[in-house]
Amino acid sequence: MLLALTHVWYRMAVAGTDDWAAAVQALVNLGRKPLSEALGLAMPDSLAKEREMWRLIGRLAGRPYRDSAAVLDEFRTKAERETT
């Protein structure tokens, strides 16, 4: 009996996790633009460039004192470029 219930509980957990994953994905998508603006970065026109930008930001967060941080300059807003 417990073995059969384990299968049911597993299915319920998977269904709950799928709903939670969709909610988290929606929150991430809504926060992309405000976060990029807060960081002084302009959102790129293409999805590939946006993914590259977020990958570089993630790398910068992991290793903050590297010279390669200058590659983010191409994503900076015009106002941010003028102040630096």
PDB file of N, CA and C in Angstrom:
ATOM      1  N   MET A   1       0.821  -1.194   0.000  1.00  0.00           N
ATOM      2  CA  MET A   1       0.000   0.000   0.000  1.00  0.00           C
ATOM      3  C   MET A   1       0.874   1.271   0.000  1.00  0.00           C
ATOM      4  N   LEU A   2       1.895   1.282   0.845  1.00  0.00           N
ATOM      5  CA  LEU A   2       2.774   2.449   0.891  1.00  0.00           C
ATOM      6  C   LEU A   2       3.535   2.639  -0.414  1.00  0.00           C
ATOM      7  N   LEU A   3       3.885   1.547  -1.055  1.00  0.00           N
ATOM      8  CA  LEU A   3       4.578   1.638  -2.335  1.00  0.00           C
ATOM      9  C   LEU A   3       3.697   2.306  -3.383  1.00  0.00           C
ATOM     10  N   ALA A   4       2.413   1.967  -3.403  1.00  0.00           N
ATOM     11  CA  ALA A   4       1.483   2.601  -4.342  1.00  0.00           C
ATOM     12  C   ALA A   4       1.309   4.079  -4.006  1.00  0.00           C
ATOM     13  N   LEU A   5       1.233   4.396  -2.738  1.00  0.00           N
ATOM     14  CA  LEU A   5       1.102   5.798  -2.335  1.00  0.00           C
ATOM     15  C   LEU A   5       2.346   6.603  -2.678  1.00  0.00           C
ATOM     16  N   THR A   6       3.504   5.975  -2.635  1.00  0.00           N
ATOM     17  CA  THR A   6       4.742   6.650  -2.984  1.00  0.00           C
ATOM     18  C   THR A   6       4.680   7.154  -4.423  1.00  0.00           C
ATOM     19  N   HIS A   7       4.148   6.334  -5.308  1.00  0.00           N
ATOM     20  CA  HIS A   7       4.008   6.723  -6.715  1.00  0.00           C
ATOM     21  C   HIS A   7       3.068   7.928  -6.840  1.00  0.00           C
ATOM     22  N   VAL A   8       1.969   7.915  -6.126  1.00  0.00           N
ATOM     23  CA  VAL A   8       1.012   9.025  -6.159  1.00  0.00           C
ATOM     24  C   VAL A   8       1.652  10.296  -5.602  1.00  0.00           C
ATOM     25  N   TRP A   9       2.347  10.189  -4.490  1.00  0.00           N
ATOM     26  CA  TRP A   9       3.004  11.348  -3.888  1.00  0.00           C
ATOM     27  C   TRP A   9       4.071  11.930  -4.814  1.00  0.00           C
ATOM     28  N   TYR A  10       4.780  11.051  -5.495  1.00  0.00           N
ATOM     29  CA  TYR A  10       5.804  11.498  -6.436  1.00  0.00           C
ATOM     30  C   TYR A  10       5.156  12.309  -7.560  1.00  0.00           C
ATOM     31  N   ARG A  11       4.067  11.801  -8.113  1.00  0.00           N
ATOM     32  CA  ARG A  11       3.358  12.508  -9.190  1.00  0.00           C
ATOM     33  C   ARG A  11       2.863  13.869  -8.716  1.00  0.00           C
ATOM     34  N   MET A  12       2.355  13.943  -7.503  1.00  0.00           N
ATOM     35  CA  MET A  12       1.877  15.203  -6.946  1.00  0.00           C
ATOM     36  C   MET A  12       3.035  16.186  -6.756  1.00  0.00           C
ATOM     37  N   ALA A  13       4.174  15.680  -6.316  1.00  0.00           N
ATOM     38  CA  ALA A  13       5.344  16.537  -6.132  1.00  0.00           C
ATOM     39  C   ALA A  13       5.826  17.094  -7.467  1.00  0.00           C
ATOM     40  N   VAL A  14       5.841  16.268  -8.499  1.00  0.00           N
ATOM     41  CA  VAL A  14       6.264  16.721  -9.829  1.00  0.00           C
ATOM     42  C   VAL A  14       5.314  17.788 -10.345  1.00  0.00           C
ATOM     43  N   ALA A  15       4.010  17.580 -10.182  1.00  0.00           N
ATOM     44  CA  ALA A  15       3.030  18.572 -10.643  1.00  0.00           C
ATOM     45  C   ALA A  15       3.202  19.891  -9.884  1.00  0.00           C
ATOM     46  N   GLY A  16       3.421  19.826  -8.597  1.00  0.00           N
ATOM     47  CA  GLY A  16       3.632  21.038  -7.810  1.00  0.00           C
ATOM     48  C   GLY A  16       4.903  21.763  -8.195  1.00  0.00           C
ATOM     49  N   THR A  17       5.939  21.015  -8.490  1.00  0.00           N
ATOM     50  CA  THR A  17       7.206  21.617  -8.885  1.00  0.00           C
ATOM     51  C   THR A  17       7.086  22.294 -10.241  1.00  0.00           C
ATOM     52  N   ASP A  18       6.325  21.704 -11.161  1.00  0.00           N
ATOM     53  CA  ASP A  18       6.130  22.321 -12.471  1.00  0.00           C
ATOM     54  C   ASP A  18       5.453  23.681 -12.341  1.00  0.00           C
ATOM     55  N   ASP A  19       4.431  23.776 -11.494  1.00  0.00           N
ATOM     56  CA  ASP A  19       3.747  25.058 -11.289  1.00  0.00           C
ATOM     57  C   ASP A  19       4.682  26.075 -10.658  1.00  0.00           C
ATOM     58  N   TRP A  20       5.470  25.634  -9.710  1.00  0.00           N
ATOM     59  CA  TRP A  20       6.408  26.529  -9.035  1.00  0.00           C
ATOM     60  C   TRP A  20       7.472  27.019 -10.022  1.00  0.00           C
ATOM     61  N   ALA A  21       7.961  26.125 -10.872  1.00  0.00           N
ATOM     62  CA  ALA A  21       8.965  26.498 -11.872  1.00  0.00           C
ATOM     63  C   ALA A  21       8.414  27.548 -12.834  1.00  0.00           C
ATOM     64  N   ALA A  22       7.156  27.412 -13.236  1.00  0.00           N
ATOM     65  CA  ALA A  22       6.549  28.388 -14.137  1.00  0.00           C
ATOM     66  C   ALA A  22       6.437  29.751 -13.461  1.00  0.00           C
ATOM     67  N   ALA A  23       6.099  29.771 -12.178  1.00  0.00           N
ATOM     68  CA  ALA A  23       5.987  31.036 -11.444  1.00  0.00           C
ATOM     69  C   ALA A  23       7.355  31.701 -11.305  1.00  0.00           C
ATOM     70  N   VAL A  24       8.376  30.925 -10.991  1.00  0.00           N
ATOM     71  CA  VAL A  24       9.727  31.488 -10.851  1.00  0.00           C
ATOM     72  C   VAL A  24      10.215  32.016 -12.196  1.00  0.00           C
ATOM     73  N   GLN A  25       9.954  31.291 -13.264  1.00  0.00           N
ATOM     74  CA  GLN A  25      10.364  31.744 -14.604  1.00  0.00           C
ATOM     75  C   GLN A  25       9.683  33.059 -14.956  1.00  0.00           C
ATOM     76  N   ALA A  26       8.413  33.207 -14.610  1.00  0.00           N
ATOM     77  CA  ALA A  26       7.699  34.461 -14.873  1.00  0.00           C
ATOM     78  C   ALA A  26       8.321  35.612 -14.088  1.00  0.00           C
ATOM     79  N   LEU A  27       8.684  35.371 -12.833  1.00  0.00           N
ATOM     80  CA  LEU A  27       9.321  36.418 -12.031  1.00  0.00           C
ATOM     81  C   LEU A  27      10.675  36.833 -12.620  1.00  0.00           C
ATOM     82  N   VAL A  28      11.425  35.857 -13.083  1.00  0.00           N
ATOM     83  CA  VAL A  28      12.726  36.159 -13.688  1.00  0.00           C
ATOM     84  C   VAL A  28      12.536  36.981 -14.956  1.00  0.00           C
ATOM     85  N   ASN A  29      11.578  36.601 -15.783  1.00  0.00           N
ATOM     86  CA  ASN A  29      11.344  37.335 -17.025  1.00  0.00           C
ATOM     87  C   ASN A  29      10.887  38.766 -16.758  1.00  0.00           C
ATOM     88  N   LEU A  30      10.064  38.973 -15.737  1.00  0.00           N
ATOM     89  CA  LEU A  30       9.602  40.324 -15.409  1.00  0.00           C
ATOM     90  C   LEU A  30      10.727  41.185 -14.833  1.00  0.00           C
ATOM     91  N   GLY A  31      11.703  40.576 -14.196  1.00  0.00           N
ATOM     92  CA  GLY A  31      12.763  41.332 -13.543  1.00  0.00           C
ATOM     93  C   GLY A  31      13.974  41.618 -14.404  1.00  0.00           C
ATOM     94  N   ARG A  32      14.020  41.087 -15.614  1.00  0.00           N
ATOM     95  CA  ARG A  32      15.207  41.275 -16.462  1.00  0.00           C
ATOM     96  C   ARG A  32      15.461  42.742 -16.773  1.00  0.00           C
ATOM     97  N   LYS A  33      14.466  43.442 -17.257  1.00  0.00           N
ATOM     98  CA  LYS A  33      14.647  44.840 -17.657  1.00  0.00           C
ATOM     99  C   LYS A  33      14.970  45.740 -16.457  1.00  0.00           C
ATOM    100  N   PRO A  34      14.213  45.674 -15.349  1.00  0.00           N
ATOM    101  CA  PRO A  34      14.588  46.524 -14.207  1.00  0.00           C
ATOM    102  C   PRO A  34      15.989  46.235 -13.671  1.00  0.00           C
ATOM    103  N   LEU A  35      16.393  44.976 -13.671  1.00  0.00           N
ATOM    104  CA  LEU A  35      17.736  44.650 -13.187  1.00  0.00           C
ATOM    105  C   LEU A  35      18.801  45.206 -14.117  1.00  0.00           C
ATOM    106  N   SER A  36      18.595  45.080 -15.422  1.00  0.00           N
ATOM    107  CA  SER A  36      19.600  45.617 -16.355  1.00  0.00           C
ATOM    108  C   SER A  36      19.692  47.135 -16.228  1.00  0.00           C
ATOM    109  N   GLU A  37      18.548  47.804 -16.027  1.00  0.00           N
ATOM    110  CA  GLU A  37      18.577  49.255 -15.850  1.00  0.00           C
ATOM    111  C   GLU A  37      19.294  49.626 -14.553  1.00  0.00           C
ATOM    112  N   ALA A  38      19.074  48.865 -13.495  1.00  0.00           N
ATOM    113  CA  ALA A  38      19.734  49.143 -12.217  1.00  0.00           C
ATOM    114  C   ALA A  38      21.249  48.948 -12.320  1.00  0.00           C
ATOM    115  N   LEU A  39      21.675  48.058 -13.199  1.00  0.00           N
ATOM    116  CA  LEU A  39      23.100  47.818 -13.394  1.00  0.00           C
ATOM    117  C   LEU A  39      23.710  48.779 -14.416  1.00  0.00           C
ATOM    118  N   GLY A  40      22.881  49.656 -15.007  1.00  0.00           N
ATOM    119  CA  GLY A  40      23.379  50.602 -15.993  1.00  0.00           C
ATOM    120  C   GLY A  40      23.618  49.965 -17.347  1.00  0.00           C
ATOM    121  N   LEU A  41      22.888  48.905 -17.647  1.00  0.00           N
ATOM    122  CA  LEU A  41      23.059  48.198 -18.907  1.00  0.00           C
ATOM    123  C   LEU A  41      21.801  48.335 -19.750  1.00  0.00           C
ATOM    124  N   ALA A  42      21.980  48.391 -21.061  1.00  0.00           N
ATOM    125  CA  ALA A  42      20.863  48.442 -21.992  1.00  0.00           C
ATOM    126  C   ALA A  42      20.537  47.030 -22.460  1.00  0.00           C
ATOM    127  N   MET A  43      19.256  46.741 -22.573  1.00  0.00           N
ATOM    128  CA  MET A  43      18.848  45.415 -23.046  1.00  0.00           C
ATOM    129  C   MET A  43      19.183  45.292 -24.530  1.00  0.00           C
ATOM    130  N   PRO A  44      19.905  44.249 -24.918  1.00  0.00           N
ATOM    131  CA  PRO A  44      20.238  44.048 -26.335  1.00  0.00           C
ATOM    132  C   PRO A  44      18.987  43.734 -27.157  1.00  0.00           C
ATOM    133  N   ASP A  45      19.104  43.902 -28.467  1.00  0.00           N
ATOM    134  CA  ASP A  45      17.975  43.642 -29.359  1.00  0.00           C
ATOM    135  C   ASP A  45      17.726  42.159 -29.584  1.00  0.00           C
ATOM    136  N   SER A  46      18.769  41.353 -29.535  1.00  0.00           N
ATOM    137  CA  SER A  46      18.596  39.929 -29.816  1.00  0.00           C
ATOM    138  C   SER A  46      18.698  39.103 -28.541  1.00  0.00           C
ATOM    139  N   LEU A  47      18.036  37.978 -28.552  1.00  0.00           N
ATOM    140  CA  LEU A  47      18.057  37.082 -27.401  1.00  0.00           C
ATOM    141  C   LEU A  47      19.447  36.507 -27.180  1.00  0.00           C
ATOM    142  N   ALA A  48      20.167  36.243 -28.254  1.00  0.00           N
ATOM    143  CA  ALA A  48      21.525  35.699 -28.123  1.00  0.00           C
ATOM    144  C   ALA A  48      22.441  36.693 -27.416  1.00  0.00           C
ATOM    145  N   LYS A  49      22.334  37.981 -27.778  1.00  0.00           N
ATOM    146  CA  LYS A  49      23.161  39.000 -27.124  1.00  0.00           C
ATOM    147  C   LYS A  49      22.745  39.182 -25.662  1.00  0.00           C
ATOM    148  N   GLU A  50      21.440  39.076 -25.396  1.00  0.00           N
ATOM    149  CA  GLU A  50      20.978  39.199 -24.009  1.00  0.00           C
ATOM    150  C   GLU A  50      21.515  38.041 -23.163  1.00  0.00           C
ATOM    151  N   ARG A  51      21.475  36.846 -23.704  1.00  0.00           N
ATOM    152  CA  ARG A  51      22.032  35.695 -22.981  1.00  0.00           C
ATOM    153  C   ARG A  51      23.521  35.881 -22.721  1.00  0.00           C
ATOM    154  N   GLU A  52      24.235  36.424 -23.706  1.00  0.00           N
ATOM    155  CA  GLU A  52      25.664  36.681 -23.512  1.00  0.00           C
ATOM    156  C   GLU A  52      25.877  37.705 -22.395  1.00  0.00           C
ATOM    157  N   MET A  53      25.039  38.749 -22.385  1.00  0.00           N
ATOM    158  CA  MET A  53      25.162  39.780 -21.357  1.00  0.00           C
ATOM    159  C   MET A  53      24.950  39.178 -19.964  1.00  0.00           C
ATOM    160  N   TRP A  54      23.893  38.388 -19.785  1.00  0.00           N
ATOM    161  CA  TRP A  54      23.620  37.789 -18.466  1.00  0.00           C
ATOM    162  C   TRP A  54      24.698  36.785 -18.085  1.00  0.00           C
ATOM    163  N   ARG A  55      25.256  36.077 -19.067  1.00  0.00           N
ATOM    164  CA  ARG A  55      26.349  35.142 -18.778  1.00  0.00           C
ATOM    165  C   ARG A  55      27.564  35.903 -18.269  1.00  0.00           C
ATOM    166  N   LEU A  56      27.867  37.036 -18.902  1.00  0.00           N
ATOM    167  CA  LEU A  56      29.006  37.849 -18.473  1.00  0.00           C
ATOM    168  C   LEU A  56      28.774  38.440 -17.077  1.00  0.00           C
ATOM    169  N   ILE A  57      27.554  38.860 -16.795  1.00  0.00           N
ATOM    170  CA  ILE A  57      27.237  39.382 -15.463  1.00  0.00           C
ATOM    171  C   ILE A  57      27.382  38.287 -14.420  1.00  0.00           C
ATOM    172  N   GLY A  58      26.913  37.098 -14.740  1.00  0.00           N
ATOM    173  CA  GLY A  58      27.074  35.974 -13.818  1.00  0.00           C
ATOM    174  C   GLY A  58      28.532  35.646 -13.571  1.00  0.00           C
ATOM    175  N   ARG A  59      29.323  35.704 -14.614  1.00  0.00           N
ATOM    176  CA  ARG A  59      30.761  35.449 -14.474  1.00  0.00           C
ATOM    177  C   ARG A  59      31.419  36.546 -13.633  1.00  0.00           C
ATOM    178  N   LEU A  60      30.976  37.786 -13.828  1.00  0.00           N
ATOM    179  CA  LEU A  60      31.520  38.899 -13.046  1.00  0.00           C
ATOM    180  C   LEU A  60      31.167  38.738 -11.563  1.00  0.00           C
ATOM    181  N   ALA A  61      29.975  38.241 -11.280  1.00  0.00           N
ATOM    182  CA  ALA A  61      29.573  38.026  -9.887  1.00  0.00           C
ATOM    183  C   ALA A  61      30.422  36.925  -9.244  1.00  0.00           C
ATOM    184  N   GLY A  62      30.811  35.936 -10.022  1.00  0.00           N
ATOM    185  CA  GLY A  62      31.619  34.839  -9.490  1.00  0.00           C
ATOM    186  C   GLY A  62      33.082  35.199  -9.329  1.00  0.00           C
ATOM    187  N   ARG A  63      33.591  36.004 -10.254  1.00  0.00           N
ATOM    188  CA  ARG A  63      35.000  36.422 -10.233  1.00  0.00           C
ATOM    189  C   ARG A  63      35.065  37.929 -10.477  1.00  0.00           C
ATOM    190  N   PRO A  64      34.800  38.750  -9.451  1.00  0.00           N
ATOM    191  CA  PRO A  64      34.621  40.189  -9.666  1.00  0.00           C
ATOM    192  C   PRO A  64      35.863  40.978 -10.046  1.00  0.00           C
ATOM    193  N   TYR A  65      37.039  40.504  -9.768  1.00  0.00           N
ATOM    194  CA  TYR A  65      38.236  41.318  -9.983  1.00  0.00           C
ATOM    195  C   TYR A  65      39.060  40.832 -11.163  1.00  0.00           C
ATOM    196  N   ARG A  66      38.394  40.622 -12.261  1.00  0.00           N
ATOM    197  CA  ARG A  66      39.093  40.185 -13.466  1.00  0.00           C
ATOM    198  C   ARG A  66      39.084  41.318 -14.487  1.00  0.00           C
ATOM    199  N   ASP A  67      40.115  41.353 -15.298  1.00  0.00           N
ATOM    200  CA  ASP A  67      40.203  42.372 -16.342  1.00  0.00           C
ATOM    201  C   ASP A  67      39.155  42.168 -17.430  1.00  0.00           C
ATOM    202  N   SER A  68      38.608  40.977 -17.524  1.00  0.00           N
ATOM    203  CA  SER A  68      37.636  40.686 -18.573  1.00  0.00           C
ATOM    204  C   SER A  68      36.291  41.357 -18.321  1.00  0.00           C
ATOM    205  N   ALA A  69      36.126  42.069 -17.210  1.00  0.00           N
ATOM    206  CA  ALA A  69      34.860  42.752 -16.927  1.00  0.00           C
ATOM    207  C   ALA A  69      34.599  43.865 -17.941  1.00  0.00           C
ATOM    208  N   ALA A  70      35.608  44.315 -18.635  1.00  0.00           N
ATOM    209  CA  ALA A  70      35.442  45.383 -19.618  1.00  0.00           C
ATOM    210  C   ALA A  70      34.594  44.942 -20.808  1.00  0.00           C
ATOM    211  N   VAL A  71      34.400  43.661 -21.003  1.00  0.00           N
ATOM    212  CA  VAL A  71      33.578  43.208 -22.120  1.00  0.00           C
ATOM    213  C   VAL A  71      32.119  43.614 -21.935  1.00  0.00           C
ATOM    214  N   LEU A  72      31.719  43.961 -20.726  1.00  0.00           N
ATOM    215  CA  LEU A  72      30.351  44.434 -20.486  1.00  0.00           C
ATOM    216  C   LEU A  72      30.140  45.851 -21.005  1.00  0.00           C
ATOM    217  N   ASP A  73      31.195  46.536 -21.388  1.00  0.00           N
ATOM    218  CA  ASP A  73      31.073  47.914 -21.870  1.00  0.00           C
ATOM    219  C   ASP A  73      30.148  48.025 -23.079  1.00  0.00           C
ATOM    220  N   GLU A  74      30.102  47.015 -23.910  1.00  0.00           N
ATOM    221  CA  GLU A  74      29.234  47.090 -25.090  1.00  0.00           C
ATOM    222  C   GLU A  74      27.760  47.097 -24.714  1.00  0.00           C
ATOM    223  N   PHE A  75      27.418  46.668 -23.504  1.00  0.00           N
ATOM    224  CA  PHE A  75      26.038  46.632 -23.061  1.00  0.00           C
ATOM    225  C   PHE A  75      25.662  47.831 -22.189  1.00  0.00           C
ATOM    226  N   ARG A  76      26.612  48.690 -21.880  1.00  0.00           N
ATOM    227  CA  ARG A  76      26.320  49.838 -21.024  1.00  0.00           C
ATOM    228  C   ARG A  76      25.432  50.845 -21.753  1.00  0.00           C
ATOM    229  N   THR A  77      24.591  51.535 -20.988  1.00  0.00           N
ATOM    230  CA  THR A  77      23.757  52.577 -21.579  1.00  0.00           C
ATOM    231  C   THR A  77      24.634  53.769 -21.935  1.00  0.00           C
ATOM    232  N   LYS A  78      24.110  54.630 -22.798  1.00  0.00           N
ATOM    233  CA  LYS A  78      24.890  55.796 -23.234  1.00  0.00           C
ATOM    234  C   LYS A  78      25.241  56.678 -22.041  1.00  0.00           C
ATOM    235  N   ALA A  79      24.290  56.898 -21.138  1.00  0.00           N
ATOM    236  CA  ALA A  79      24.553  57.736 -19.960  1.00  0.00           C
ATOM    237  C   ALA A  79      25.618  57.114 -19.067  1.00  0.00           C
ATOM    238  N   GLU A  80      25.589  55.808 -18.940  1.00  0.00           N
ATOM    239  CA  GLU A  80      26.576  55.109 -18.102  1.00  0.00           C
ATOM    240  C   GLU A  80      27.963  55.210 -18.742  1.00  0.00           C
ATOM    241  N   ARG A  81      28.048  55.145 -20.069  1.00  0.00           N
ATOM    242  CA  ARG A  81      29.347  55.259 -20.738  1.00  0.00           C
ATOM    243  C   ARG A  81      29.943  56.653 -20.580  1.00  0.00           C
ATOM    244  N   GLU A  82      29.080  57.678 -20.566  1.00  0.00           N
ATOM    245  CA  GLU A  82      29.558  59.046 -20.448  1.00  0.00           C
ATOM    246  C   GLU A  82      30.081  59.352 -19.045  1.00  0.00           C
ATOM    247  N   THR A  83      29.567  58.671 -18.021  1.00  0.00           N
ATOM    248  CA  THR A  83      30.019  58.947 -16.654  1.00  0.00           C
ATOM    249  C   THR A  83      31.290  58.214 -16.297  1.00  0.00           C
ATOM    250  N   THR A  84      31.660  57.188 -17.060  1.00  0.00           N
ATOM    251  CA  THR A  84      32.885  56.431 -16.738  1.00  0.00           C
ATOM    252  C   THR A  84      34.030  56.823 -17.615  1.00  0.00           C
TER     253      THR A  84
END
